[in-house]
PDB file of N, CA and C in Angstrom:
ATOM      1  N   UNK A   1      10.782  15.722 -34.703  1.00  0.00           N
ATOM      2  CA  UNK A   1      11.992  15.250 -34.015  1.00  0.00           C
ATOM      3  C   UNK A   1      11.157  13.948 -33.419  1.00  0.00           C
ATOM      4  N   UNK A   2      11.634  12.608 -33.695  1.00  0.00           N
ATOM      5  CA  UNK A   2      11.407  11.453 -33.297  1.00  0.00           C
ATOM      6  C   UNK A   2      11.661  11.308 -31.741  1.00  0.00           C
ATOM      7  N   UNK A   3      10.795  10.549 -31.048  1.00  0.00           N
ATOM      8  CA  UNK A   3      11.046  10.427 -29.535  1.00  0.00           C
ATOM      9  C   UNK A   3      11.913   9.322 -29.322  1.00  0.00           C
ATOM     10  N   UNK A   4      12.871   9.279 -28.510  1.00  0.00           N
ATOM     11  CA  UNK A   4      13.666   8.313 -28.232  1.00  0.00           C
ATOM     12  C   UNK A   4      13.053   7.573 -27.120  1.00  0.00           C
ATOM     13  N   UNK A   5      13.615   6.135 -27.111  1.00  0.00           N
ATOM     14  CA  UNK A   5      13.367   5.465 -25.692  1.00  0.00           C
ATOM     15  C   UNK A   5      14.485   4.941 -25.217  1.00  0.00           C
ATOM     16  N   UNK A   6      14.492   5.604 -23.749  1.00  0.00           N
ATOM     17  CA  UNK A   6      15.772   5.123 -23.180  1.00  0.00           C
ATOM     18  C   UNK A   6      15.474   4.065 -22.164  1.00  0.00           C
ATOM     19  N   UNK A   7      16.328   3.061 -22.015  1.00  0.00           N
ATOM     20  CA  UNK A   7      16.109   1.922 -20.934  1.00  0.00           C
ATOM     21  C   UNK A   7      16.589   2.505 -19.788  1.00  0.00           C
ATOM     22  N   UNK A   8      15.835   2.422 -18.648  1.00  0.00           N
ATOM     23  CA  UNK A   8      16.168   3.109 -17.158  1.00  0.00           C
ATOM     24  C   UNK A   8      16.651   1.882 -16.527  1.00  0.00           C
ATOM     25  N   UNK A   9      17.909   1.996 -16.065  1.00  0.00           N
ATOM     26  CA  UNK A   9      18.436   1.112 -15.259  1.00  0.00           C
ATOM     27  C   UNK A   9      18.884  -0.255 -15.762  1.00  0.00           C
ATOM     28  N   UNK A  10      18.847  -1.202 -14.856  1.00  0.00           N
ATOM     29  CA  UNK A  10      19.151  -2.441 -15.385  1.00  0.00           C
ATOM     30  C   UNK A  10      18.011  -3.479 -15.230  1.00  0.00           C
ATOM     31  N   UNK A  11      18.108  -4.576 -16.036  1.00  0.00           N
ATOM     32  CA  UNK A  11      17.106  -5.349 -15.937  1.00  0.00           C
ATOM     33  C   UNK A  11      17.428  -6.520 -14.728  1.00  0.00           C
ATOM     34  N   UNK A  12      18.384  -6.346 -13.993  1.00  0.00           N
ATOM     35  CA  UNK A  12      18.709  -7.431 -12.952  1.00  0.00           C
ATOM     36  C   UNK A  12      18.036  -7.132 -11.565  1.00  0.00           C
ATOM     37  N   UNK A  13      17.016  -6.061 -11.626  1.00  0.00           N
ATOM     38  CA  UNK A  13      16.368  -5.625 -10.360  1.00  0.00           C
ATOM     39  C   UNK A  13      15.540  -6.739  -9.985  1.00  0.00           C
ATOM     40  N   UNK A  14      15.140  -7.035  -8.822  1.00  0.00           N
ATOM     41  CA  UNK A  14      14.321  -8.073  -8.278  1.00  0.00           C
ATOM     42  C   UNK A  14      12.883  -7.274  -7.926  1.00  0.00           C
ATOM     43  N   UNK A  15      12.807  -6.154  -8.212  1.00  0.00           N
ATOM     44  CA  UNK A  15      11.590  -5.235  -7.982  1.00  0.00           C
ATOM     45  C   UNK A  15      10.865  -5.056  -9.234  1.00  0.00           C
ATOM     46  N   UNK A  16       9.571  -4.821  -8.905  1.00  0.00           N
ATOM     47  CA  UNK A  16       8.569  -4.823 -10.167  1.00  0.00           C
ATOM     48  C   UNK A  16       8.798  -3.150 -10.587  1.00  0.00           C
ATOM     49  N   UNK A  17       8.778  -2.359  -9.650  1.00  0.00           N
ATOM     50  CA  UNK A  17       8.646  -0.924  -9.943  1.00  0.00           C
ATOM     51  C   UNK A  17       9.883  -0.292  -9.445  1.00  0.00           C
ATOM     52  N   UNK A  18      10.159   1.069 -10.044  1.00  0.00           N
ATOM     53  CA  UNK A  18      11.352   1.863  -9.635  1.00  0.00           C
ATOM     54  C   UNK A  18      10.942   2.230  -8.091  1.00  0.00           C
ATOM     55  N   UNK A  19       9.623   2.701  -7.777  1.00  0.00           N
ATOM     56  CA  UNK A  19       9.266   3.280  -6.568  1.00  0.00           C
ATOM     57  C   UNK A  19       9.435   2.171  -5.479  1.00  0.00           C
ATOM     58  N   UNK A  20       9.218   0.831  -5.547  1.00  0.00           N
ATOM     59  CA  UNK A  20       9.460  -0.155  -4.779  1.00  0.00           C
ATOM     60  C   UNK A  20      10.942  -0.374  -4.390  1.00  0.00           C
ATOM     61  N   UNK A  21      11.595  -0.214  -5.426  1.00  0.00           N
ATOM     62  CA  UNK A  21      13.318  -0.588  -5.507  1.00  0.00           C
ATOM     63  C   UNK A  21      13.955   0.620  -4.555  1.00  0.00           C
ATOM     64  N   UNK A  22      13.439   1.970  -5.051  1.00  0.00           N
ATOM     65  CA  UNK A  22      13.810   3.163  -4.333  1.00  0.00           C
ATOM     66  C   UNK A  22      13.636   2.856  -2.722  1.00  0.00           C
ATOM     67  N   UNK A  23      12.371   2.515  -2.428  1.00  0.00           N
ATOM     68  CA  UNK A  23      11.980   2.422  -0.918  1.00  0.00           C
ATOM     69  C   UNK A  23      12.679   1.010  -0.192  1.00  0.00           C
ATOM     70  N   UNK A  24      12.813   0.068  -0.920  1.00  0.00           N
ATOM     71  CA  UNK A  24      13.855  -0.967  -0.461  1.00  0.00           C
ATOM     72  C   UNK A  24      14.992  -0.686  -0.259  1.00  0.00           C
ATOM     73  N   UNK A  25      15.588   0.159  -1.017  1.00  0.00           N
ATOM     74  CA  UNK A  25      17.118   0.673  -0.982  1.00  0.00           C
ATOM     75  C   UNK A  25      17.131   1.629   0.274  1.00  0.00           C
ATOM     76  N   UNK A  26      16.321   2.358   0.437  1.00  0.00           N
ATOM     77  CA  UNK A  26      16.219   3.366   1.647  1.00  0.00           C
ATOM     78  C   UNK A  26      16.098   2.583   2.933  1.00  0.00           C
ATOM     79  N   UNK A  27      15.104   1.629   2.932  1.00  0.00           N
ATOM     80  CA  UNK A  27      14.829   0.833   4.136  1.00  0.00           C
ATOM     81  C   UNK A  27      16.317  -0.022   4.411  1.00  0.00           C
ATOM     82  N   UNK A  28      16.938  -0.601   3.488  1.00  0.00           N
ATOM     83  CA  UNK A  28      18.143  -1.111   3.817  1.00  0.00           C
ATOM     84  C   UNK A  28      19.287  -0.216   4.077  1.00  0.00           C
ATOM     85  N   UNK A  29      19.473   0.881   3.444  1.00  0.00           N
ATOM     86  CA  UNK A  29      20.366   1.663   3.990  1.00  0.00           C
ATOM     87  C   UNK A  29      19.997   2.204   5.474  1.00  0.00           C
ATOM     88  N   UNK A  30      18.787   2.529   5.819  1.00  0.00           N
ATOM     89  CA  UNK A  30      18.615   2.741   7.213  1.00  0.00           C
ATOM     90  C   UNK A  30      18.854   1.741   8.248  1.00  0.00           C
ATOM     91  N   UNK A  31      18.584   0.545   7.886  1.00  0.00           N
ATOM     92  CA  UNK A  31      18.972  -0.441   8.824  1.00  0.00           C
ATOM     93  C   UNK A  31      20.667  -0.888   8.843  1.00  0.00           C
ATOM     94  N   UNK A  32      21.262  -0.487   7.939  1.00  0.00           N
ATOM     95  CA  UNK A  32      22.763  -0.572   8.156  1.00  0.00           C
ATOM     96  C   UNK A  32      23.146   0.756   8.985  1.00  0.00           C
ATOM     97  N   UNK A  33      22.592   1.837   8.695  1.00  0.00           N
ATOM     98  CA  UNK A  33      23.053   3.040   9.658  1.00  0.00           C
ATOM     99  C   UNK A  33      22.677   2.631  11.123  1.00  0.00           C
ATOM    100  N   UNK A  34      21.442   2.042  11.305  1.00  0.00           N
ATOM    101  CA  UNK A  34      21.260   1.848  12.499  1.00  0.00           C
ATOM    102  C   UNK A  34      22.051   0.857  13.297  1.00  0.00           C
ATOM    103  N   UNK A  35      22.526  -0.196  12.610  1.00  0.00           N
ATOM    104  CA  UNK A  35      23.377  -1.234  12.937  1.00  0.00           C
ATOM    105  C   UNK A  35      24.598  -0.791  13.146  1.00  0.00           C
ATOM    106  N   UNK A  36      25.260   0.316  12.506  1.00  0.00           N
ATOM    107  CA  UNK A  36      26.374   0.988  12.609  1.00  0.00           C
ATOM    108  C   UNK A  36      26.536   1.668  13.885  1.00  0.00           C
ATOM    109  N   UNK A  37      25.441   2.407  14.110  1.00  0.00           N
ATOM    110  CA  UNK A  37      25.191   3.394  15.152  1.00  0.00           C
ATOM    111  C   UNK A  37      25.209   2.381  16.603  1.00  0.00           C
ATOM    112  N   UNK A  38      24.425   1.367  16.490  1.00  0.00           N
ATOM    113  CA  UNK A  38      24.276   0.469  17.677  1.00  0.00           C
ATOM    114  C   UNK A  38      25.776  -0.251  17.947  1.00  0.00           C
ATOM    115  N   UNK A  39      26.621  -0.686  16.946  1.00  0.00           N
ATOM    116  CA  UNK A  39      27.842  -1.390  17.247  1.00  0.00           C
ATOM    117  C   UNK A  39      28.930  -0.469  17.552  1.00  0.00           C
ATOM    118  N   UNK A  40      28.867   0.812  16.911  1.00  0.00           N
ATOM    119  CA  UNK A  40      29.974   1.631  17.166  1.00  0.00           C
ATOM    120  C   UNK A  40      29.720   2.544  18.426  1.00  0.00           C
ATOM    121  N   UNK A  41      28.221   2.741  18.672  1.00  0.00           N
ATOM    122  CA  UNK A  41      27.979   3.424  19.953  1.00  0.00           C
ATOM    123  C   UNK A  41      28.204   3.118  21.377  1.00  0.00           C
ATOM    124  N   UNK A  42      28.481   1.824  21.275  1.00  0.00           N
ATOM    125  CA  UNK A  42      28.772   1.071  22.535  1.00  0.00           C
ATOM    126  C   UNK A  42      30.166   1.267  22.936  1.00  0.00           C
TER     127      UNK A  42
END
């Protein structure tokens, strides 16, 4: 059986690797969560 090459994700990413993209998304999500907590918490 021949091996198929699957394209992972999109080519629109500004990051070089998937790991950096994942970490960047995690940091961005944490910043949004902290911002919401600070705004709504008051």
